[in-house]
Amino acid sequence: MKRTVVISIKVPLGLVSALDELIRKNYFQNRSDAIREAIRRLVTEYRKFDREEFRLGFLPGYR
């Protein structure tokens, strides 16, 4: 089993309602699965952005 860490966050009610709707539509089994997927996608997008900046010659902190 992969090692996991519990984190606590505050989320606006509207986002929780939208998240629960995705779960009702069987896109995800539960909130944890949905949030993990959202974090994976966020990290992937930022990594792409970082690689693109590197390719273009930008340095972090010098935008």
N, C-alpha and C. Protein backbone atom coordinates (compact mmCIF):
# COMPACT_ATOMS: atom_id res chain seq x y z
N MET A 1 0.83 -1.18 0.00
CA MET A 1 0.00 0.00 0.00
C MET A 1 0.88 1.25 0.00
N LYS A 2 0.49 2.25 -0.81
CA LYS A 2 1.25 3.48 -0.86
C LYS A 2 1.06 4.27 0.43
N ARG A 3 2.09 4.94 0.82
CA ARG A 3 2.04 5.77 2.02
C ARG A 3 1.24 7.03 1.72
N THR A 4 0.35 7.41 2.59
CA THR A 4 -0.46 8.60 2.41
C THR A 4 -0.37 9.49 3.64
N VAL A 5 -0.75 10.75 3.44
CA VAL A 5 -0.77 11.73 4.51
C VAL A 5 -2.15 12.37 4.53
N VAL A 6 -2.69 12.58 5.69
CA VAL A 6 -3.97 13.25 5.82
C VAL A 6 -3.73 14.75 5.88
N ILE A 7 -4.47 15.51 5.05
CA ILE A 7 -4.40 16.97 5.11
C ILE A 7 -5.81 17.51 5.32
N SER A 8 -5.90 18.64 5.97
CA SER A 8 -7.19 19.28 6.19
C SER A 8 -7.22 20.58 5.42
N ILE A 9 -8.31 20.83 4.71
CA ILE A 9 -8.45 22.06 3.95
C ILE A 9 -9.86 22.62 4.14
N LYS A 10 -9.99 23.92 3.93
CA LYS A 10 -11.31 24.54 3.93
C LYS A 10 -11.68 24.79 2.47
N VAL A 11 -12.90 24.39 2.10
CA VAL A 11 -13.35 24.49 0.72
C VAL A 11 -14.72 25.19 0.72
N PRO A 12 -14.90 26.14 -0.18
CA PRO A 12 -16.21 26.79 -0.27
C PRO A 12 -17.32 25.77 -0.55
N LEU A 13 -18.47 26.01 0.02
CA LEU A 13 -19.60 25.09 -0.10
C LEU A 13 -19.95 24.80 -1.56
N GLY A 14 -19.86 25.81 -2.42
CA GLY A 14 -20.19 25.61 -3.83
C GLY A 14 -19.28 24.59 -4.49
N LEU A 15 -17.99 24.62 -4.15
CA LEU A 15 -17.06 23.63 -4.72
C LEU A 15 -17.35 22.23 -4.18
N VAL A 16 -17.68 22.14 -2.91
CA VAL A 16 -18.01 20.83 -2.33
C VAL A 16 -19.26 20.27 -3.00
N SER A 17 -20.24 21.12 -3.24
CA SER A 17 -21.46 20.67 -3.92
C SER A 17 -21.15 20.18 -5.33
N ALA A 18 -20.29 20.92 -6.05
CA ALA A 18 -19.91 20.50 -7.40
C ALA A 18 -19.14 19.18 -7.36
N LEU A 19 -18.27 19.04 -6.38
CA LEU A 19 -17.51 17.81 -6.21
C LEU A 19 -18.44 16.63 -5.93
N ASP A 20 -19.40 16.84 -5.03
CA ASP A 20 -20.35 15.78 -4.69
C ASP A 20 -21.19 15.38 -5.90
N GLU A 21 -21.47 16.34 -6.77
CA GLU A 21 -22.22 16.02 -8.00
C GLU A 21 -21.41 15.09 -8.90
N LEU A 22 -20.10 15.34 -9.00
CA LEU A 22 -19.24 14.45 -9.79
C LEU A 22 -19.23 13.04 -9.20
N ILE A 23 -19.27 12.95 -7.89
CA ILE A 23 -19.30 11.65 -7.22
C ILE A 23 -20.64 10.96 -7.49
N ARG A 24 -21.74 11.72 -7.41
CA ARG A 24 -23.06 11.15 -7.71
C ARG A 24 -23.14 10.62 -9.15
N LYS A 25 -22.41 11.29 -10.05
CA LYS A 25 -22.40 10.87 -11.45
C LYS A 25 -21.39 9.76 -11.71
N ASN A 26 -20.77 9.25 -10.64
CA ASN A 26 -19.82 8.14 -10.69
C ASN A 26 -18.52 8.46 -11.43
N TYR A 27 -18.15 9.73 -11.48
CA TYR A 27 -16.82 10.07 -12.01
C TYR A 27 -15.75 9.66 -11.01
N PHE A 28 -16.10 9.70 -9.73
CA PHE A 28 -15.18 9.32 -8.66
C PHE A 28 -15.96 8.53 -7.62
N GLN A 29 -15.22 7.69 -6.87
CA GLN A 29 -15.87 6.90 -5.82
C GLN A 29 -16.16 7.74 -4.58
N ASN A 30 -15.29 8.70 -4.30
CA ASN A 30 -15.46 9.51 -3.09
C ASN A 30 -14.68 10.82 -3.22
N ARG A 31 -14.81 11.69 -2.23
CA ARG A 31 -14.14 12.99 -2.27
C ARG A 31 -12.62 12.85 -2.32
N SER A 32 -12.09 11.93 -1.56
CA SER A 32 -10.63 11.75 -1.53
C SER A 32 -10.10 11.40 -2.91
N ASP A 33 -10.77 10.48 -3.60
CA ASP A 33 -10.33 10.11 -4.96
C ASP A 33 -10.36 11.32 -5.89
N ALA A 34 -11.43 12.10 -5.81
CA ALA A 34 -11.57 13.27 -6.67
C ALA A 34 -10.49 14.31 -6.38
N ILE A 35 -10.23 14.56 -5.12
CA ILE A 35 -9.23 15.56 -4.75
C ILE A 35 -7.83 15.09 -5.13
N ARG A 36 -7.54 13.80 -4.95
CA ARG A 36 -6.23 13.28 -5.38
C ARG A 36 -6.03 13.48 -6.88
N GLU A 37 -7.07 13.20 -7.66
CA GLU A 37 -6.98 13.38 -9.11
C GLU A 37 -6.78 14.85 -9.46
N ALA A 38 -7.48 15.73 -8.77
CA ALA A 38 -7.32 17.17 -9.03
C ALA A 38 -5.90 17.62 -8.72
N ILE A 39 -5.33 17.13 -7.63
CA ILE A 39 -3.95 17.49 -7.27
C ILE A 39 -2.98 16.94 -8.31
N ARG A 40 -3.18 15.69 -8.75
CA ARG A 40 -2.31 15.12 -9.79
C ARG A 40 -2.32 15.99 -11.05
N ARG A 41 -3.52 16.39 -11.47
CA ARG A 41 -3.64 17.21 -12.68
C ARG A 41 -2.98 18.58 -12.48
N LEU A 42 -3.15 19.18 -11.32
CA LEU A 42 -2.54 20.47 -11.04
C LEU A 42 -1.02 20.37 -11.09
N VAL A 43 -0.47 19.37 -10.45
CA VAL A 43 0.98 19.18 -10.43
C VAL A 43 1.50 18.92 -11.85
N THR A 44 0.80 18.10 -12.61
CA THR A 44 1.20 17.81 -13.99
C THR A 44 1.24 19.09 -14.82
N GLU A 45 0.21 19.92 -14.70
CA GLU A 45 0.16 21.17 -15.47
C GLU A 45 1.30 22.11 -15.08
N TYR A 46 1.58 22.23 -13.81
CA TYR A 46 2.67 23.11 -13.37
C TYR A 46 4.02 22.56 -13.82
N ARG A 47 4.18 21.26 -13.82
CA ARG A 47 5.44 20.69 -14.32
C ARG A 47 5.62 20.99 -15.79
N LYS A 48 4.54 20.92 -16.59
CA LYS A 48 4.62 21.27 -18.01
C LYS A 48 5.01 22.74 -18.16
N PHE A 49 4.40 23.59 -17.36
CA PHE A 49 4.70 25.02 -17.39
C PHE A 49 6.17 25.25 -17.05
N ASP A 50 6.67 24.58 -16.02
CA ASP A 50 8.07 24.73 -15.64
C ASP A 50 9.00 24.29 -16.76
N ARG A 51 8.69 23.17 -17.42
CA ARG A 51 9.53 22.70 -18.52
C ARG A 51 9.51 23.68 -19.67
N GLU A 52 8.36 24.26 -19.96
CA GLU A 52 8.24 25.23 -21.04
C GLU A 52 9.06 26.48 -20.74
N GLU A 53 8.99 26.97 -19.50
CA GLU A 53 9.80 28.12 -19.11
C GLU A 53 11.29 27.81 -19.27
N PHE A 54 11.68 26.62 -18.86
CA PHE A 54 13.08 26.22 -18.98
C PHE A 54 13.50 26.20 -20.45
N ARG A 55 12.62 25.64 -21.29
CA ARG A 55 12.91 25.55 -22.73
C ARG A 55 13.05 26.95 -23.34
N LEU A 56 12.25 27.89 -22.86
CA LEU A 56 12.29 29.25 -23.40
C LEU A 56 13.38 30.11 -22.76
N GLY A 57 14.05 29.57 -21.76
CA GLY A 57 15.15 30.29 -21.14
C GLY A 57 14.77 31.17 -19.96
N PHE A 58 13.54 31.03 -19.45
CA PHE A 58 13.16 31.81 -18.27
C PHE A 58 13.75 31.17 -17.03
N LEU A 59 14.08 32.00 -16.07
CA LEU A 59 14.58 31.50 -14.79
C LEU A 59 13.52 31.74 -13.73
N PRO A 60 13.31 30.77 -12.84
CA PRO A 60 12.34 30.96 -11.75
C PRO A 60 12.68 32.22 -10.96
N GLY A 61 11.67 33.00 -10.67
CA GLY A 61 11.88 34.22 -9.90
C GLY A 61 12.22 35.43 -10.75
N TYR A 62 12.41 35.23 -12.04
CA TYR A 62 12.78 36.33 -12.95
C TYR A 62 11.79 36.44 -14.09
N ARG A 63 10.51 36.52 -13.77
CA ARG A 63 9.47 36.58 -14.80
C ARG A 63 9.16 38.00 -15.17
